[in-house]
Amino acid sequence: MTDPHASLRDRVLRGVLEGAGESDPALRRAAAEGRGVPADLQALVDKIHRHAYKVTDEDLERLQAKYGDDQLFEIVVSAALGASRQRLLAGLEALEDA
């Protein structure tokens, strides 16, 4: 099954992960992959990948002093996009196998 939106989705993902920002692109890519982030960010990134609805203000507040609002926003968006991409690709693969 061909995804008609793949090129647009990939362009958005590249823009978020590789575009200009306050955080290092390598950190954004790691957040999207769900691994390889600094230890202090791993719990947040894991929570976003597994149960994003469980992220609390306290999760962000404990990281805010070190990363600031802009960097945290980029990390959260990168992790969310990466998690959604993983789920979408798994779903498309399941449809192909059906």
N, C-alpha and C. Protein backbone atom coordinates (compact mmCIF):
# COMPACT_ATOMS: atom_id res chain seq x y z
N MET A 1 0.84 -1.18 0.00
CA MET A 1 0.00 0.00 0.00
C MET A 1 0.89 1.24 0.00
N THR A 2 0.64 2.12 -0.92
CA THR A 2 1.40 3.35 -1.02
C THR A 2 0.71 4.44 -0.20
N ASP A 3 1.50 5.15 0.57
CA ASP A 3 0.98 6.25 1.37
C ASP A 3 1.04 7.52 0.53
N PRO A 4 -0.11 8.07 0.13
CA PRO A 4 -0.10 9.25 -0.73
C PRO A 4 0.42 10.51 -0.04
N HIS A 5 0.53 10.47 1.27
CA HIS A 5 0.97 11.64 2.02
C HIS A 5 2.40 11.50 2.52
N ALA A 6 3.10 10.46 2.11
CA ALA A 6 4.44 10.19 2.64
C ALA A 6 5.41 11.35 2.40
N SER A 7 5.41 11.92 1.23
CA SER A 7 6.38 12.98 0.94
C SER A 7 6.10 14.22 1.78
N LEU A 8 4.84 14.56 1.96
CA LEU A 8 4.50 15.72 2.79
C LEU A 8 4.86 15.46 4.26
N ARG A 9 4.52 14.27 4.73
CA ARG A 9 4.83 13.91 6.11
C ARG A 9 6.33 13.91 6.35
N ASP A 10 7.08 13.36 5.42
CA ASP A 10 8.53 13.31 5.56
C ASP A 10 9.14 14.71 5.52
N ARG A 11 8.56 15.60 4.73
CA ARG A 11 9.05 16.98 4.67
C ARG A 11 8.82 17.71 5.99
N VAL A 12 7.68 17.49 6.60
CA VAL A 12 7.41 18.10 7.91
C VAL A 12 8.38 17.54 8.94
N LEU A 13 8.57 16.24 8.95
CA LEU A 13 9.47 15.60 9.90
C LEU A 13 10.89 16.13 9.73
N ARG A 14 11.36 16.24 8.51
CA ARG A 14 12.71 16.78 8.26
C ARG A 14 12.82 18.22 8.74
N GLY A 15 11.78 19.02 8.48
CA GLY A 15 11.80 20.41 8.93
C GLY A 15 11.90 20.53 10.43
N VAL A 16 11.15 19.71 11.14
CA VAL A 16 11.18 19.74 12.60
C VAL A 16 12.51 19.23 13.13
N LEU A 17 12.99 18.14 12.57
CA LEU A 17 14.20 17.52 13.12
C LEU A 17 15.49 18.18 12.66
N GLU A 18 15.49 18.73 11.46
CA GLU A 18 16.74 19.26 10.91
C GLU A 18 16.74 20.77 10.73
N GLY A 19 15.60 21.40 10.86
CA GLY A 19 15.50 22.83 10.64
C GLY A 19 16.12 23.64 11.76
N ALA A 20 16.13 24.94 11.56
CA ALA A 20 16.67 25.84 12.58
C ALA A 20 15.85 25.71 13.86
N GLY A 21 16.53 25.83 14.98
CA GLY A 21 15.84 25.74 16.25
C GLY A 21 16.77 26.05 17.40
N GLU A 22 16.23 26.01 18.59
CA GLU A 22 17.01 26.28 19.80
C GLU A 22 17.75 25.04 20.27
N SER A 23 17.26 23.87 19.92
CA SER A 23 17.90 22.62 20.33
C SER A 23 18.70 22.03 19.17
N ASP A 24 19.68 21.25 19.52
CA ASP A 24 20.54 20.60 18.52
C ASP A 24 19.71 19.62 17.70
N PRO A 25 19.89 19.61 16.37
CA PRO A 25 19.15 18.65 15.55
C PRO A 25 19.38 17.20 15.97
N ALA A 26 20.56 16.87 16.46
CA ALA A 26 20.83 15.50 16.91
C ALA A 26 19.94 15.15 18.10
N LEU A 27 19.71 16.11 18.98
CA LEU A 27 18.84 15.88 20.12
C LEU A 27 17.40 15.69 19.66
N ARG A 28 16.96 16.47 18.69
CA ARG A 28 15.60 16.33 18.17
C ARG A 28 15.42 14.98 17.47
N ARG A 29 16.44 14.55 16.72
CA ARG A 29 16.35 13.24 16.06
C ARG A 29 16.29 12.13 17.10
N ALA A 30 17.11 12.23 18.15
CA ALA A 30 17.10 11.22 19.22
C ALA A 30 15.74 11.18 19.90
N ALA A 31 15.15 12.34 20.16
CA ALA A 31 13.82 12.38 20.78
C ALA A 31 12.79 11.71 19.86
N ALA A 32 12.89 11.95 18.57
CA ALA A 32 11.96 11.32 17.62
C ALA A 32 12.12 9.80 17.61
N GLU A 33 13.35 9.33 17.75
CA GLU A 33 13.61 7.89 17.76
C GLU A 33 13.29 7.27 19.12
N GLY A 34 13.24 8.09 20.15
CA GLY A 34 12.91 7.60 21.48
C GLY A 34 14.09 7.04 22.24
N ARG A 35 15.29 7.29 21.76
CA ARG A 35 16.49 6.78 22.44
C ARG A 35 17.68 7.67 22.08
N GLY A 36 18.65 7.66 23.01
CA GLY A 36 19.86 8.44 22.75
C GLY A 36 19.79 9.87 23.25
N VAL A 37 18.75 10.21 24.00
CA VAL A 37 18.66 11.56 24.58
C VAL A 37 19.42 11.56 25.91
N PRO A 38 19.80 12.72 26.41
CA PRO A 38 20.43 12.78 27.74
C PRO A 38 19.53 12.12 28.79
N ALA A 39 20.17 11.58 29.80
CA ALA A 39 19.45 10.83 30.84
C ALA A 39 18.32 11.63 31.48
N ASP A 40 18.52 12.93 31.66
CA ASP A 40 17.48 13.73 32.31
C ASP A 40 16.23 13.91 31.44
N LEU A 41 16.35 13.68 30.15
CA LEU A 41 15.21 13.79 29.23
C LEU A 41 14.55 12.45 28.93
N GLN A 42 15.21 11.35 29.24
CA GLN A 42 14.73 10.03 28.81
C GLN A 42 13.33 9.71 29.34
N ALA A 43 13.06 10.03 30.60
CA ALA A 43 11.73 9.72 31.16
C ALA A 43 10.63 10.48 30.41
N LEU A 44 10.87 11.74 30.10
CA LEU A 44 9.88 12.53 29.36
C LEU A 44 9.69 11.96 27.96
N VAL A 45 10.77 11.68 27.27
CA VAL A 45 10.69 11.15 25.91
C VAL A 45 9.99 9.78 25.91
N ASP A 46 10.33 8.93 26.88
CA ASP A 46 9.65 7.63 26.98
C ASP A 46 8.15 7.82 27.19
N LYS A 47 7.79 8.74 28.07
CA LYS A 47 6.37 8.97 28.36
C LYS A 47 5.65 9.47 27.11
N ILE A 48 6.27 10.34 26.36
CA ILE A 48 5.65 10.84 25.12
C ILE A 48 5.47 9.70 24.13
N HIS A 49 6.47 8.85 24.01
CA HIS A 49 6.38 7.74 23.05
C HIS A 49 5.36 6.69 23.47
N ARG A 50 5.20 6.48 24.77
CA ARG A 50 4.31 5.41 25.23
C ARG A 50 2.92 5.90 25.63
N HIS A 51 2.86 6.99 26.38
CA HIS A 51 1.59 7.47 26.95
C HIS A 51 1.60 8.99 27.01
N ALA A 52 1.57 9.65 25.89
CA ALA A 52 1.72 11.11 25.85
C ALA A 52 0.68 11.82 26.70
N TYR A 53 -0.49 11.25 26.82
CA TYR A 53 -1.54 11.90 27.60
C TYR A 53 -1.20 11.96 29.09
N LYS A 54 -0.19 11.23 29.52
CA LYS A 54 0.21 11.22 30.93
C LYS A 54 1.27 12.28 31.27
N VAL A 55 1.75 13.01 30.26
CA VAL A 55 2.74 14.05 30.53
C VAL A 55 2.08 15.14 31.36
N THR A 56 2.76 15.55 32.42
CA THR A 56 2.21 16.54 33.34
C THR A 56 3.04 17.82 33.32
N ASP A 57 2.47 18.86 33.89
CA ASP A 57 3.21 20.12 34.05
C ASP A 57 4.48 19.88 34.85
N GLU A 58 4.42 19.01 35.84
CA GLU A 58 5.58 18.72 36.67
C GLU A 58 6.70 18.08 35.86
N ASP A 59 6.35 17.23 34.89
CA ASP A 59 7.36 16.62 34.03
C ASP A 59 8.16 17.70 33.31
N LEU A 60 7.46 18.71 32.84
CA LEU A 60 8.11 19.78 32.10
C LEU A 60 8.82 20.77 33.03
N GLU A 61 8.21 21.06 34.15
CA GLU A 61 8.79 22.03 35.08
C GLU A 61 10.16 21.60 35.59
N ARG A 62 10.34 20.31 35.83
CA ARG A 62 11.64 19.86 36.35
C ARG A 62 12.75 19.99 35.31
N LEU A 63 12.39 20.10 34.04
CA LEU A 63 13.39 20.24 32.97
C LEU A 63 13.53 21.67 32.46
N GLN A 64 12.58 22.51 32.81
CA GLN A 64 12.51 23.86 32.27
C GLN A 64 13.74 24.71 32.59
N ALA A 65 14.27 24.58 33.79
CA ALA A 65 15.43 25.40 34.18
C ALA A 65 16.63 25.11 33.29
N LYS A 66 16.81 23.86 32.91
CA LYS A 66 17.97 23.49 32.10
C LYS A 66 17.73 23.73 30.60
N TYR A 67 16.53 23.41 30.12
CA TYR A 67 16.29 23.44 28.68
C TYR A 67 15.50 24.66 28.21
N GLY A 68 14.72 25.28 29.06
CA GLY A 68 13.93 26.44 28.65
C GLY A 68 12.72 26.03 27.82
N ASP A 69 11.83 26.98 27.63
CA ASP A 69 10.57 26.70 26.93
C ASP A 69 10.76 26.30 25.48
N ASP A 70 11.59 27.02 24.75
CA ASP A 70 11.75 26.75 23.32
C ASP A 70 12.37 25.39 23.06
N GLN A 71 13.43 25.07 23.78
CA GLN A 71 14.06 23.76 23.60
C GLN A 71 13.12 22.64 24.00
N LEU A 72 12.43 22.79 25.12
CA LEU A 72 11.50 21.75 25.55
C LEU A 72 10.38 21.56 24.53
N PHE A 73 9.87 22.66 23.98
CA PHE A 73 8.83 22.55 22.96
C PHE A 73 9.34 21.73 21.78
N GLU A 74 10.54 22.03 21.31
CA GLU A 74 11.11 21.30 20.17
C GLU A 74 11.32 19.83 20.49
N ILE A 75 11.75 19.53 21.69
CA ILE A 75 11.97 18.14 22.11
C ILE A 75 10.64 17.40 22.18
N VAL A 76 9.63 18.03 22.76
CA VAL A 76 8.30 17.39 22.87
C VAL A 76 7.71 17.16 21.49
N VAL A 77 7.77 18.15 20.62
CA VAL A 77 7.21 18.00 19.27
C VAL A 77 7.97 16.92 18.50
N SER A 78 9.27 16.90 18.62
CA SER A 78 10.08 15.88 17.93
C SER A 78 9.71 14.49 18.42
N ALA A 79 9.59 14.32 19.72
CA ALA A 79 9.22 13.01 20.27
C ALA A 79 7.82 12.61 19.81
N ALA A 80 6.90 13.54 19.82
CA ALA A 80 5.52 13.24 19.40
C ALA A 80 5.45 12.87 17.92
N LEU A 81 6.16 13.62 17.09
CA LEU A 81 6.17 13.29 15.66
C LEU A 81 6.83 11.93 15.41
N GLY A 82 7.92 11.67 16.11
CA GLY A 82 8.58 10.38 15.95
C GLY A 82 7.69 9.23 16.38
N ALA A 83 7.01 9.39 17.51
CA ALA A 83 6.10 8.34 17.99
C ALA A 83 4.94 8.13 17.02
N SER A 84 4.39 9.22 16.51
CA SER A 84 3.27 9.08 15.58
C SER A 84 3.71 8.43 14.28
N ARG A 85 4.91 8.76 13.84
CA ARG A 85 5.44 8.14 12.61
C ARG A 85 5.63 6.64 12.81
N GLN A 86 6.17 6.24 13.96
CA GLN A 86 6.36 4.81 14.23
C GLN A 86 5.03 4.07 14.21
N ARG A 87 4.01 4.67 14.81
CA ARG A 87 2.69 4.03 14.84
C ARG A 87 2.07 3.96 13.44
N LEU A 88 2.22 5.03 12.69
CA LEU A 88 1.67 5.04 11.33
C LEU A 88 2.33 3.97 10.47
N LEU A 89 3.66 3.91 10.52
CA LEU A 89 4.36 2.91 9.72
C LEU A 89 4.01 1.49 10.14
N ALA A 90 3.82 1.26 11.43
CA ALA A 90 3.40 -0.07 11.90
C ALA A 90 2.01 -0.39 11.38
N GLY A 91 1.12 0.59 11.38
CA GLY A 91 -0.22 0.38 10.86
C GLY A 91 -0.23 0.10 9.37
N LEU A 92 0.56 0.86 8.61
CA LEU A 92 0.65 0.63 7.17
C LEU A 92 1.22 -0.75 6.86
N GLU A 93 2.20 -1.15 7.64
CA GLU A 93 2.80 -2.48 7.46
C GLU A 93 1.77 -3.58 7.76
N ALA A 94 0.98 -3.38 8.82
CA ALA A 94 -0.05 -4.36 9.15
C ALA A 94 -1.09 -4.48 8.03
N LEU A 95 -1.43 -3.35 7.42
CA LEU A 95 -2.38 -3.39 6.31
C LEU A 95 -1.81 -4.13 5.12
N GLU A 96 -0.52 -3.92 4.88
CA GLU A 96 0.11 -4.63 3.76
C GLU A 96 0.14 -6.13 4.00
N ASP A 97 0.34 -6.51 5.26
CA ASP A 97 0.42 -7.93 5.59
C ASP A 97 -0.94 -8.61 5.62
N ALA A 98 -2.01 -7.82 5.71
CA ALA A 98 -3.36 -8.40 5.84
C ALA A 98 -3.86 -8.95 4.53
